[in-house]
Amino acid sequence: ATRRREGEEIVLSSPSTTIGDEVGLWVSDVPQCAPEVSWHPGRRVRL
């Protein structure tokens, strides 16, 4: 959302505003102290 300050509050863009993400990239947390499984791109295990 776009933001602007009004006093002590941060006003976010209105519900009618559509803000599209750039395609092709996304950010996630690096799993920490994750279960010891053999990870490689494309691997899928049952959750």
ModelCIF file with pLDDT and N, C-alpha, C, O atoms, coordinates in Angstrom:
data_MODEL
#
_entry.id   MODEL 
#
_entity.id                         1 
_entity.type                       polymer 
_entity.pdbx_number_of_molecules   1 
#
_entity_poly.entity_id                      1 
_entity_poly.type                           'polypeptide(L)' 
_entity_poly.nstd_linkage                   no 
_entity_poly.nstd_monomer                   no 
_entity_poly.pdbx_seq_one_letter_code       ATRRREGEEIVLSSPSTTIGDEVGLWVSDVPQCAPEVSWHPGRRVRL 
_entity_poly.pdbx_seq_one_letter_code_can   ATRRREGEEIVLSSPSTTIGDEVGLWVSDVPQCAPEVSWHPGRRVRL 
_entity_poly.pdbx_strand_id                 A 
#
loop_
_entity_poly_seq.entity_id 
_entity_poly_seq.num 
_entity_poly_seq.mon_id 
_entity_poly_seq.hetero 
1 1  ALA n 
1 2  THR n 
1 3  ARG n 
1 4  ARG n 
1 5  ARG n 
1 6  GLU n 
1 7  GLY n 
1 8  GLU n 
1 9  GLU n 
1 10 ILE n 
1 11 VAL n 
1 12 LEU n 
1 13 SER n 
1 14 SER n 
1 15 PRO n 
1 16 SER n 
1 17 THR n 
1 18 THR n 
1 19 ILE n 
1 20 GLY n 
1 21 ASP n 
1 22 GLU n 
1 23 VAL n 
1 24 GLY n 
1 25 LEU n 
1 26 TRP n 
1 27 VAL n 
1 28 SER n 
1 29 ASP n 
1 30 VAL n 
1 31 PRO n 
1 32 GLN n 
1 33 CYS n 
1 34 ALA n 
1 35 PRO n 
1 36 GLU n 
1 37 VAL n 
1 38 SER n 
1 39 TRP n 
1 40 HIS n 
1 41 PRO n 
1 42 GLY n 
1 43 ARG n 
1 44 ARG n 
1 45 VAL n 
1 46 ARG n 
1 47 LEU n 
#
_struct_asym.id          A 
_struct_asym.entity_id   1 
#
loop_
_ma_qa_metric.id 
_ma_qa_metric.mode 
_ma_qa_metric.name 
_ma_qa_metric.software_group_id 
_ma_qa_metric.type 
1 global pLDDT . pLDDT 
2 local  pLDDT . pLDDT 
#
_ma_qa_metric_global.metric_id      1 
_ma_qa_metric_global.metric_value   66.47 
_ma_qa_metric_global.model_id       1 
_ma_qa_metric_global.ordinal_id     1 
#
loop_
_ma_qa_metric_local.label_asym_id 
_ma_qa_metric_local.label_comp_id 
_ma_qa_metric_local.label_seq_id 
_ma_qa_metric_local.metric_id 
_ma_qa_metric_local.metric_value 
_ma_qa_metric_local.model_id 
_ma_qa_metric_local.ordinal_id 
A ALA 1  2 91.00 1 1  
A THR 2  2 91.00 1 2  
A ARG 3  2 94.00 1 3  
A ARG 4  2 94.00 1 4  
A ARG 5  2 96.00 1 5  
A GLU 6  2 95.00 1 6  
A GLY 7  2 94.00 1 7  
A GLU 8  2 95.00 1 8  
A GLU 9  2 97.00 1 9  
A ILE 10 2 97.00 1 10 
A VAL 11 2 96.00 1 11 
A LEU 12 2 95.00 1 12 
A SER 13 2 83.00 1 13 
A SER 14 2 54.00 1 14 
A PRO 15 2 45.00 1 15 
A SER 16 2 41.00 1 16 
A THR 17 2 40.00 1 17 
A THR 18 2 40.00 1 18 
A ILE 19 2 39.00 1 19 
A GLY 20 2 42.00 1 20 
A ASP 21 2 46.00 1 21 
A GLU 22 2 50.00 1 22 
A VAL 23 2 53.00 1 23 
A GLY 24 2 70.00 1 24 
A LEU 25 2 80.00 1 25 
A TRP 26 2 84.00 1 26 
A VAL 27 2 90.00 1 27 
A SER 28 2 90.00 1 28 
A ASP 29 2 91.00 1 29 
A VAL 30 2 92.00 1 30 
A PRO 31 2 87.00 1 31 
A GLN 32 2 84.00 1 32 
A CYS 33 2 76.00 1 33 
A ALA 34 2 57.00 1 34 
A PRO 35 2 53.00 1 35 
A GLU 36 2 45.00 1 36 
A VAL 37 2 40.00 1 37 
A SER 38 2 40.00 1 38 
A TRP 39 2 36.00 1 39 
A HIS 40 2 40.00 1 40 
A PRO 41 2 40.00 1 41 
A GLY 42 2 43.00 1 42 
A ARG 43 2 42.00 1 43 
A ARG 44 2 43.00 1 44 
A VAL 45 2 42.00 1 45 
A ARG 46 2 46.00 1 46 
A LEU 47 2 45.00 1 47 
#
loop_
_atom_site.group_PDB 
_atom_site.id 
_atom_site.type_symbol 
_atom_site.label_atom_id 
_atom_site.label_alt_id 
_atom_site.label_comp_id 
_atom_site.label_asym_id 
_atom_site.label_entity_id 
_atom_site.label_seq_id 
_atom_site.pdbx_PDB_ins_code 
_atom_site.Cartn_x 
_atom_site.Cartn_y 
_atom_site.Cartn_z 
_atom_site.occupancy 
_atom_site.B_iso_or_equiv 
_atom_site.pdbx_formal_charge 
_atom_site.auth_seq_id 
_atom_site.auth_comp_id 
_atom_site.auth_asym_id 
_atom_site.auth_atom_id 
_atom_site.pdbx_PDB_model_num 
ATOM 1   N N  . ALA A 1 1  ? 0.818   -1.210  0.000   1.00 91.00 ? 1  ALA A N  1 
ATOM 2   C CA . ALA A 1 1  ? 0.000   0.000   0.000   1.00 91.00 ? 1  ALA A CA 1 
ATOM 3   C C  . ALA A 1 1  ? 0.853   1.261   0.000   1.00 91.00 ? 1  ALA A C  1 
ATOM 4   O O  . ALA A 1 1  ? 1.958   1.275   0.542   1.00 91.00 ? 1  ALA A O  1 
ATOM 5   N N  . THR A 1 2  ? 0.329   2.322   -0.614  1.00 91.00 ? 2  THR A N  1 
ATOM 6   C CA . THR A 1 2  ? 0.938   3.637   -0.468  1.00 91.00 ? 2  THR A CA 1 
ATOM 7   C C  . THR A 1 2  ? 0.548   4.190   0.896   1.00 91.00 ? 2  THR A C  1 
ATOM 8   O O  . THR A 1 2  ? -0.490  3.832   1.454   1.00 91.00 ? 2  THR A O  1 
ATOM 9   N N  . ARG A 1 3  ? 1.398   5.069   1.422   1.00 94.00 ? 3  ARG A N  1 
ATOM 10  C CA . ARG A 1 3  ? 1.181   5.552   2.788   1.00 94.00 ? 3  ARG A CA 1 
ATOM 11  C C  . ARG A 1 3  ? 1.305   7.071   2.854   1.00 94.00 ? 3  ARG A C  1 
ATOM 12  O O  . ARG A 1 3  ? 2.023   7.690   2.069   1.00 94.00 ? 3  ARG A O  1 
ATOM 13  N N  . ARG A 1 4  ? 0.605   7.640   3.788   1.00 94.00 ? 4  ARG A N  1 
ATOM 14  C CA . ARG A 1 4  ? 0.819   9.041   4.148   1.00 94.00 ? 4  ARG A CA 1 
ATOM 15  C C  . ARG A 1 4  ? 0.503   9.197   5.635   1.00 94.00 ? 4  ARG A C  1 
ATOM 16  O O  . ARG A 1 4  ? -0.317  8.468   6.193   1.00 94.00 ? 4  ARG A O  1 
ATOM 17  N N  . ARG A 1 5  ? 1.160   10.142  6.248   1.00 96.00 ? 5  ARG A N  1 
ATOM 18  C CA . ARG A 1 5  ? 0.971   10.347  7.686   1.00 96.00 ? 5  ARG A CA 1 
ATOM 19  C C  . ARG A 1 5  ? -0.110  11.403  7.932   1.00 96.00 ? 5  ARG A C  1 
ATOM 20  O O  . ARG A 1 5  ? -0.129  12.448  7.282   1.00 96.00 ? 5  ARG A O  1 
ATOM 21  N N  . GLU A 1 6  ? -0.992  11.122  8.862   1.00 95.00 ? 6  GLU A N  1 
ATOM 22  C CA . GLU A 1 6  ? -1.962  12.088  9.356   1.00 95.00 ? 6  GLU A CA 1 
ATOM 23  C C  . GLU A 1 6  ? -1.906  12.046  10.872  1.00 95.00 ? 6  GLU A C  1 
ATOM 24  O O  . GLU A 1 6  ? -2.472  11.153  11.503  1.00 95.00 ? 6  GLU A O  1 
ATOM 25  N N  . GLY A 1 7  ? -1.216  13.019  11.448  1.00 94.00 ? 7  GLY A N  1 
ATOM 26  C CA . GLY A 1 7  ? -1.020  13.012  12.884  1.00 94.00 ? 7  GLY A CA 1 
ATOM 27  C C  . GLY A 1 7  ? -0.166  11.835  13.301  1.00 94.00 ? 7  GLY A C  1 
ATOM 28  O O  . GLY A 1 7  ? 0.938   11.646  12.789  1.00 94.00 ? 7  GLY A O  1 
ATOM 29  N N  . GLU A 1 8  ? -0.675  11.046  14.229  1.00 95.00 ? 8  GLU A N  1 
ATOM 30  C CA . GLU A 1 8  ? 0.049   9.878   14.719  1.00 95.00 ? 8  GLU A CA 1 
ATOM 31  C C  . GLU A 1 8  ? -0.295  8.611   13.942  1.00 95.00 ? 8  GLU A C  1 
ATOM 32  O O  . GLU A 1 8  ? 0.202   7.532   14.264  1.00 95.00 ? 8  GLU A O  1 
ATOM 33  N N  . GLU A 1 9  ? -1.136  8.736   12.927  1.00 97.00 ? 9  GLU A N  1 
ATOM 34  C CA . GLU A 1 9  ? -1.591  7.562   12.181  1.00 97.00 ? 9  GLU A CA 1 
ATOM 35  C C  . GLU A 1 9  ? -1.004  7.523   10.776  1.00 97.00 ? 9  GLU A C  1 
ATOM 36  O O  . GLU A 1 9  ? -0.679  8.554   10.187  1.00 97.00 ? 9  GLU A O  1 
ATOM 37  N N  . ILE A 1 10 ? -0.876  6.301   10.253  1.00 97.00 ? 10 ILE A N  1 
ATOM 38  C CA . ILE A 1 10 ? -0.408  6.081   8.889   1.00 97.00 ? 10 ILE A CA 1 
ATOM 39  C C  . ILE A 1 10 ? -1.605  5.610   8.066   1.00 97.00 ? 10 ILE A C  1 
ATOM 40  O O  . ILE A 1 10 ? -2.157  4.538   8.314   1.00 97.00 ? 10 ILE A O  1 
ATOM 41  N N  . VAL A 1 11 ? -1.999  6.417   7.088   1.00 96.00 ? 11 VAL A N  1 
ATOM 42  C CA . VAL A 1 11 ? -3.147  6.090   6.252   1.00 96.00 ? 11 VAL A CA 1 
ATOM 43  C C  . VAL A 1 11 ? -2.675  5.254   5.069   1.00 96.00 ? 11 VAL A C  1 
ATOM 44  O O  . VAL A 1 11 ? -1.781  5.666   4.330   1.00 96.00 ? 11 VAL A O  1 
ATOM 45  N N  . LEU A 1 12 ? -3.271  4.088   4.893   1.00 95.00 ? 12 LEU A N  1 
ATOM 46  C CA . LEU A 1 12 ? -2.951  3.200   3.788   1.00 95.00 ? 12 LEU A CA 1 
ATOM 47  C C  . LEU A 1 12 ? -3.882  3.469   2.617   1.00 95.00 ? 12 LEU A C  1 
ATOM 48  O O  . LEU A 1 12 ? -4.980  3.997   2.792   1.00 95.00 ? 12 LEU A O  1 
ATOM 49  N N  . SER A 1 13 ? -3.433  3.101   1.417   1.00 83.00 ? 13 SER A N  1 
ATOM 50  C CA . SER A 1 13 ? -4.232  3.333   0.216   1.00 83.00 ? 13 SER A CA 1 
ATOM 51  C C  . SER A 1 13 ? -5.612  2.715   0.365   1.00 83.00 ? 13 SER A C  1 
ATOM 52  O O  . SER A 1 13 ? -5.780  1.710   1.055   1.00 83.00 ? 13 SER A O  1 
ATOM 53  N N  . SER A 1 14 ? -6.591  3.318   -0.281  1.00 54.00 ? 14 SER A N  1 
ATOM 54  C CA . SER A 1 14 ? -7.987  2.938   -0.076  1.00 54.00 ? 14 SER A CA 1 
ATOM 55  C C  . SER A 1 14 ? -8.270  1.545   -0.624  1.00 54.00 ? 14 SER A C  1 
ATOM 56  O O  . SER A 1 14 ? -7.502  1.030   -1.435  1.00 54.00 ? 14 SER A O  1 
ATOM 57  N N  . PRO A 1 15 ? -9.374  0.930   -0.184  1.00 45.00 ? 15 PRO A N  1 
ATOM 58  C CA . PRO A 1 15 ? -9.724  -0.414  -0.669  1.00 45.00 ? 15 PRO A CA 1 
ATOM 59  C C  . PRO A 1 15 ? -9.899  -0.504  -2.177  1.00 45.00 ? 15 PRO A C  1 
ATOM 60  O O  . PRO A 1 15 ? -9.763  -1.591  -2.739  1.00 45.00 ? 15 PRO A O  1 
ATOM 61  N N  . SER A 1 16 ? -10.194 0.597   -2.847  1.00 41.00 ? 16 SER A N  1 
ATOM 62  C CA . SER A 1 16 ? -10.415 0.534   -4.282  1.00 41.00 ? 16 SER A CA 1 
ATOM 63  C C  . SER A 1 16 ? -9.111  0.540   -5.072  1.00 41.00 ? 16 SER A C  1 
ATOM 64  O O  . SER A 1 16 ? -9.114  0.291   -6.278  1.00 41.00 ? 16 SER A O  1 
ATOM 65  N N  . THR A 1 17 ? -7.977  0.828   -4.386  1.00 40.00 ? 17 THR A N  1 
ATOM 66  C CA . THR A 1 17 ? -6.699  0.895   -5.076  1.00 40.00 ? 17 THR A CA 1 
ATOM 67  C C  . THR A 1 17 ? -6.140  -0.500  -5.280  1.00 40.00 ? 17 THR A C  1 
ATOM 68  O O  . THR A 1 17 ? -6.101  -1.300  -4.345  1.00 40.00 ? 17 THR A O  1 
ATOM 69  N N  . THR A 1 18 ? -5.706  -0.797  -6.501  1.00 40.00 ? 18 THR A N  1 
ATOM 70  C CA . THR A 1 18 ? -5.083  -2.081  -6.807  1.00 40.00 ? 18 THR A CA 1 
ATOM 71  C C  . THR A 1 18 ? -3.606  -1.860  -7.036  1.00 40.00 ? 18 THR A C  1 
ATOM 72  O O  . THR A 1 18 ? -3.218  -1.067  -7.895  1.00 40.00 ? 18 THR A O  1 
ATOM 73  N N  . ILE A 1 19 ? -2.774  -2.557  -6.273  1.00 39.00 ? 19 ILE A N  1 
ATOM 74  C CA . ILE A 1 19 ? -1.333  -2.428  -6.387  1.00 39.00 ? 19 ILE A CA 1 
ATOM 75  C C  . ILE A 1 19 ? -0.781  -3.781  -6.773  1.00 39.00 ? 19 ILE A C  1 
ATOM 76  O O  . ILE A 1 19 ? -0.796  -4.704  -5.958  1.00 39.00 ? 19 ILE A O  1 
ATOM 77  N N  . GLY A 1 20 ? -0.297  -3.926  -7.985  1.00 42.00 ? 20 GLY A N  1 
ATOM 78  C CA . GLY A 1 20 ? 0.183   -5.213  -8.468  1.00 42.00 ? 20 GLY A CA 1 
ATOM 79  C C  . GLY A 1 20 ? 1.617   -5.470  -8.069  1.00 42.00 ? 20 GLY A C  1 
ATOM 80  O O  . GLY A 1 20 ? 2.426   -4.542  -8.050  1.00 42.00 ? 20 GLY A O  1 
ATOM 81  N N  . ASP A 1 21 ? 1.952   -6.706  -7.751  1.00 46.00 ? 21 ASP A N  1 
ATOM 82  C CA . ASP A 1 21 ? 3.320   -7.102  -7.468  1.00 46.00 ? 21 ASP A CA 1 
ATOM 83  C C  . ASP A 1 21 ? 4.083   -7.275  -8.770  1.00 46.00 ? 21 ASP A C  1 
ATOM 84  O O  . ASP A 1 21 ? 3.507   -7.604  -9.807  1.00 46.00 ? 21 ASP A O  1 
ATOM 85  N N  . GLU A 1 22 ? 5.386   -7.048  -8.698  1.00 50.00 ? 22 GLU A N  1 
ATOM 86  C CA . GLU A 1 22 ? 6.224   -7.400  -9.826  1.00 50.00 ? 22 GLU A CA 1 
ATOM 87  C C  . GLU A 1 22 ? 6.313   -8.917  -9.884  1.00 50.00 ? 22 GLU A C  1 
ATOM 88  O O  . GLU A 1 22 ? 6.457   -9.578  -8.856  1.00 50.00 ? 22 GLU A O  1 
ATOM 89  N N  . VAL A 1 23 ? 6.228   -9.458  -11.081 1.00 53.00 ? 23 VAL A N  1 
ATOM 90  C CA . VAL A 1 23 ? 6.226   -10.903 -11.221 1.00 53.00 ? 23 VAL A CA 1 
ATOM 91  C C  . VAL A 1 23 ? 7.648   -11.415 -11.281 1.00 53.00 ? 23 VAL A C  1 
ATOM 92  O O  . VAL A 1 23 ? 8.576   -10.682 -11.622 1.00 53.00 ? 23 VAL A O  1 
ATOM 93  N N  . GLY A 1 24 ? 7.808   -12.685 -10.944 1.00 70.00 ? 24 GLY A N  1 
ATOM 94  C CA . GLY A 1 24 ? 9.086   -13.345 -11.127 1.00 70.00 ? 24 GLY A CA 1 
ATOM 95  C C  . GLY A 1 24 ? 9.951   -13.415 -9.901  1.00 70.00 ? 24 GLY A C  1 
ATOM 96  O O  . GLY A 1 24 ? 10.872  -14.231 -9.868  1.00 70.00 ? 24 GLY A O  1 
ATOM 97  N N  . LEU A 1 25 ? 9.712   -12.606 -8.886  1.00 80.00 ? 25 LEU A N  1 
ATOM 98  C CA . LEU A 1 25 ? 10.523  -12.616 -7.669  1.00 80.00 ? 25 LEU A CA 1 
ATOM 99  C C  . LEU A 1 25 ? 9.607   -12.602 -6.453  1.00 80.00 ? 25 LEU A C  1 
ATOM 100 O O  . LEU A 1 25 ? 8.553   -11.966 -6.463  1.00 80.00 ? 25 LEU A O  1 
ATOM 101 N N  . TRP A 1 26 ? 10.015  -13.299 -5.425  1.00 84.00 ? 26 TRP A N  1 
ATOM 102 C CA . TRP A 1 26 ? 9.315   -13.204 -4.151  1.00 84.00 ? 26 TRP A CA 1 
ATOM 103 C C  . TRP A 1 26 ? 10.288  -13.456 -3.021  1.00 84.00 ? 26 TRP A C  1 
ATOM 104 O O  . TRP A 1 26 ? 11.299  -14.138 -3.185  1.00 84.00 ? 26 TRP A O  1 
ATOM 105 N N  . VAL A 1 27 ? 9.964   -12.892 -1.872  1.00 90.00 ? 27 VAL A N  1 
ATOM 106 C CA . VAL A 1 27 ? 10.832  -12.941 -0.697  1.00 90.00 ? 27 VAL A CA 1 
ATOM 107 C C  . VAL A 1 27 ? 10.179  -13.802 0.366   1.00 90.00 ? 27 VAL A C  1 
ATOM 108 O O  . VAL A 1 27 ? 8.968   -13.726 0.575   1.00 90.00 ? 27 VAL A O  1 
ATOM 109 N N  . SER A 1 28 ? 10.973  -14.620 1.039   1.00 90.00 ? 28 SER A N  1 
ATOM 110 C CA . SER A 1 28 ? 10.461  -15.420 2.147   1.00 90.00 ? 28 SER A CA 1 
ATOM 111 C C  . SER A 1 28 ? 11.525  -15.491 3.233   1.00 90.00 ? 28 SER A C  1 
ATOM 112 O O  . SER A 1 28 ? 12.694  -15.178 3.008   1.00 90.00 ? 28 SER A O  1 
ATOM 113 N N  . ASP A 1 29 ? 11.089  -15.913 4.418   1.00 91.00 ? 29 ASP A N  1 
ATOM 114 C CA . ASP A 1 29 ? 12.048  -16.182 5.492   1.00 91.00 ? 29 ASP A CA 1 
ATOM 115 C C  . ASP A 1 29 ? 12.909  -17.379 5.124   1.00 91.00 ? 29 ASP A C  1 
ATOM 116 O O  . ASP A 1 29 ? 12.440  -18.321 4.485   1.00 91.00 ? 29 ASP A O  1 
ATOM 117 N N  . VAL A 1 30 ? 14.175  -17.336 5.531   1.00 92.00 ? 30 VAL A N  1 
ATOM 118 C CA . VAL A 1 30 ? 15.008  -18.530 5.449   1.00 92.00 ? 30 VAL A CA 1 
ATOM 119 C C  . VAL A 1 30 ? 14.618  -19.426 6.625   1.00 92.00 ? 30 VAL A C  1 
ATOM 120 O O  . VAL A 1 30 ? 14.726  -18.997 7.774   1.00 92.00 ? 30 VAL A O  1 
ATOM 121 N N  . PRO A 1 31 ? 14.166  -20.661 6.370   1.00 87.00 ? 31 PRO A N  1 
ATOM 122 C CA . PRO A 1 31 ? 13.795  -21.557 7.476   1.00 87.00 ? 31 PRO A CA 1 
ATOM 123 C C  . PRO A 1 31 ? 14.984  -21.785 8.400   1.00 87.00 ? 31 PRO A C  1 
ATOM 124 O O  . PRO A 1 31 ? 16.075  -22.146 7.957   1.00 87.00 ? 31 PRO A O  1 
ATOM 125 N N  . GLN A 1 32 ? 14.754  -21.567 9.690   1.00 84.00 ? 32 GLN A N  1 
ATOM 126 C CA . GLN A 1 32 ? 15.841  -21.700 10.654  1.00 84.00 ? 32 GLN A CA 1 
ATOM 127 C C  . GLN A 1 32 ? 15.595  -22.863 11.608  1.00 84.00 ? 32 GLN A C  1 
ATOM 128 O O  . GLN A 1 32 ? 14.467  -23.112 12.034  1.00 84.00 ? 32 GLN A O  1 
ATOM 129 N N  . CYS A 1 33 ? 16.679  -23.569 11.936  1.00 76.00 ? 33 CYS A N  1 
ATOM 130 C CA . CYS A 1 33 ? 16.591  -24.765 12.776  1.00 76.00 ? 33 CYS A CA 1 
ATOM 131 C C  . CYS A 1 33 ? 15.519  -25.687 12.224  1.00 76.00 ? 33 CYS A C  1 
ATOM 132 O O  . CYS A 1 33 ? 14.746  -26.297 12.963  1.00 76.00 ? 33 CYS A O  1 
ATOM 133 N N  . ALA A 1 34 ? 15.498  -25.768 10.886  1.00 57.00 ? 34 ALA A N  1 
ATOM 134 C CA . ALA A 1 34 ? 14.483  -26.565 10.211  1.00 57.00 ? 34 ALA A CA 1 
ATOM 135 C C  . ALA A 1 34 ? 14.755  -28.044 10.409  1.00 57.00 ? 34 ALA A C  1 
ATOM 136 O O  . ALA A 1 34 ? 15.888  -28.434 10.691  1.00 57.00 ? 34 ALA A O  1 
ATOM 137 N N  . PRO A 1 35 ? 13.728  -28.871 10.263  1.00 53.00 ? 35 PRO A N  1 
ATOM 138 C CA . PRO A 1 35 ? 13.957  -30.316 10.333  1.00 53.00 ? 35 PRO A CA 1 
ATOM 139 C C  . PRO A 1 35 ? 15.032  -30.747 9.349   1.00 53.00 ? 35 PRO A C  1 
ATOM 140 O O  . PRO A 1 35 ? 15.132  -30.197 8.253   1.00 53.00 ? 35 PRO A O  1 
ATOM 141 N N  . GLU A 1 36 ? 15.836  -31.729 9.738   1.00 45.00 ? 36 GLU A N  1 
ATOM 142 C CA . GLU A 1 36 ? 16.946  -32.175 8.904   1.00 45.00 ? 36 GLU A CA 1 
ATOM 143 C C  . GLU A 1 36 ? 16.425  -33.063 7.773   1.00 45.00 ? 36 GLU A C  1 
ATOM 144 O O  . GLU A 1 36 ? 16.297  -34.277 7.936   1.00 45.00 ? 36 GLU A O  1 
ATOM 145 N N  . VAL A 1 37 ? 16.133  -32.461 6.651   1.00 40.00 ? 37 VAL A N  1 
ATOM 146 C CA . VAL A 1 37 ? 15.718  -33.190 5.462   1.00 40.00 ? 37 VAL A CA 1 
ATOM 147 C C  . VAL A 1 37 ? 16.647  -32.810 4.333   1.00 40.00 ? 37 VAL A C  1 
ATOM 148 O O  . VAL A 1 37 ? 17.247  -31.735 4.358   1.00 40.00 ? 37 VAL A O  1 
ATOM 149 N N  . SER A 1 38 ? 16.773  -33.653 3.368   1.00 40.00 ? 38 SER A N  1 
ATOM 150 C CA . SER A 1 38 ? 17.627  -33.371 2.225   1.00 40.00 ? 38 SER A CA 1 
ATOM 151 C C  . SER A 1 38 ? 16.894  -32.419 1.305   1.00 40.00 ? 38 SER A C  1 
ATOM 152 O O  . SER A 1 38 ? 15.908  -32.802 0.675   1.00 40.00 ? 38 SER A O  1 
ATOM 153 N N  . TRP A 1 39 ? 17.360  -31.183 1.219   1.00 36.00 ? 39 TRP A N  1 
ATOM 154 C CA . TRP A 1 39 ? 16.667  -30.163 0.431   1.00 36.00 ? 39 TRP A CA 1 
ATOM 155 C C  . TRP A 1 39 ? 17.357  -29.999 -0.908  1.00 36.00 ? 39 TRP A C  1 
ATOM 156 O O  . TRP A 1 39 ? 18.586  -29.961 -0.975  1.00 36.00 ? 39 TRP A O  1 
ATOM 157 N N  . HIS A 1 40 ? 16.595  -29.903 -1.951  1.00 40.00 ? 40 HIS A N  1 
ATOM 158 C CA . HIS A 1 40 ? 17.112  -29.484 -3.245  1.00 40.00 ? 40 HIS A CA 1 
ATOM 159 C C  . HIS A 1 40 ? 15.960  -28.903 -4.039  1.00 40.00 ? 40 HIS A C  1 
ATOM 160 O O  . HIS A 1 40 ? 14.815  -29.290 -3.807  1.00 40.00 ? 40 HIS A O  1 
ATOM 161 N N  . PRO A 1 41 ? 16.213  -27.993 -4.964  1.00 40.00 ? 41 PRO A N  1 
ATOM 162 C CA . PRO A 1 41 ? 15.114  -27.376 -5.722  1.00 40.00 ? 41 PRO A CA 1 
ATOM 163 C C  . PRO A 1 41 ? 14.216  -28.419 -6.377  1.00 40.00 ? 41 PRO A C  1 
ATOM 164 O O  . PRO A 1 41 ? 14.686  -29.361 -7.015  1.00 40.00 ? 41 PRO A O  1 
ATOM 165 N N  . GLY A 1 42 ? 12.921  -28.225 -6.202  1.00 43.00 ? 42 GLY A N  1 
ATOM 166 C CA . GLY A 1 42 ? 11.952  -29.130 -6.806  1.00 43.00 ? 42 GLY A CA 1 
ATOM 167 C C  . GLY A 1 42 ? 11.528  -30.262 -5.898  1.00 43.00 ? 42 GLY A C  1 
ATOM 168 O O  . GLY A 1 42 ? 10.590  -30.988 -6.227  1.00 43.00 ? 42 GLY A O  1 
ATOM 169 N N  . ARG A 1 43 ? 12.204  -30.443 -4.736  1.00 42.00 ? 43 ARG A N  1 
ATOM 170 C CA . ARG A 1 43 ? 11.828  -31.532 -3.826  1.00 42.00 ? 43 ARG A CA 1 
ATOM 171 C C  . ARG A 1 43 ? 10.489  -31.214 -3.176  1.00 42.00 ? 43 ARG A C  1 
ATOM 172 O O  . ARG A 1 43 ? 10.219  -30.063 -2.834  1.00 42.00 ? 43 ARG A O  1 
ATOM 173 N N  . ARG A 1 44 ? 9.669   -32.210 -3.008  1.00 43.00 ? 44 ARG A N  1 
ATOM 174 C CA . ARG A 1 44 ? 8.391   -32.037 -2.328  1.00 43.00 ? 44 ARG A CA 1 
ATOM 175 C C  . ARG A 1 44 ? 8.215   -33.156 -1.307  1.00 43.00 ? 44 ARG A C  1 
ATOM 176 O O  . ARG A 1 44 ? 8.394   -34.332 -1.626  1.00 43.00 ? 44 ARG A O  1 
ATOM 177 N N  . VAL A 1 45 ? 7.869   -32.788 -0.094  1.00 42.00 ? 45 VAL A N  1 
ATOM 178 C CA . VAL A 1 45 ? 7.603   -33.777 0.949   1.00 42.00 ? 45 VAL A CA 1 
ATOM 179 C C  . VAL A 1 45 ? 6.225   -33.483 1.523   1.00 42.00 ? 45 VAL A C  1 
ATOM 180 O O  . VAL A 1 45 ? 5.725   -32.365 1.404   1.00 42.00 ? 45 VAL A O  1 
ATOM 181 N N  . ARG A 1 46 ? 5.625   -34.466 2.133   1.00 46.00 ? 46 ARG A N  1 
ATOM 182 C CA . ARG A 1 46 ? 4.253   -34.335 2.619   1.00 46.00 ? 46 ARG A CA 1 
ATOM 183 C C  . ARG A 1 46 ? 4.219   -33.487 3.882   1.00 46.00 ? 46 ARG A C  1 
ATOM 184 O O  . ARG A 1 46 ? 5.005   -33.693 4.807   1.00 46.00 ? 46 ARG A O  1 
ATOM 185 N N  . LEU A 1 47 ? 3.303   -32.538 3.907   1.00 45.00 ? 47 LEU A N  1 
ATOM 186 C CA . LEU A 1 47 ? 3.151   -31.647 5.041   1.00 45.00 ? 47 LEU A CA 1 
ATOM 187 C C  . LEU A 1 47 ? 1.925   -32.049 5.859   1.00 45.00 ? 47 LEU A C  1 
ATOM 188 O O  . LEU A 1 47 ? 1.621   -31.413 6.868   1.00 45.00 ? 47 LEU A O  1 
#
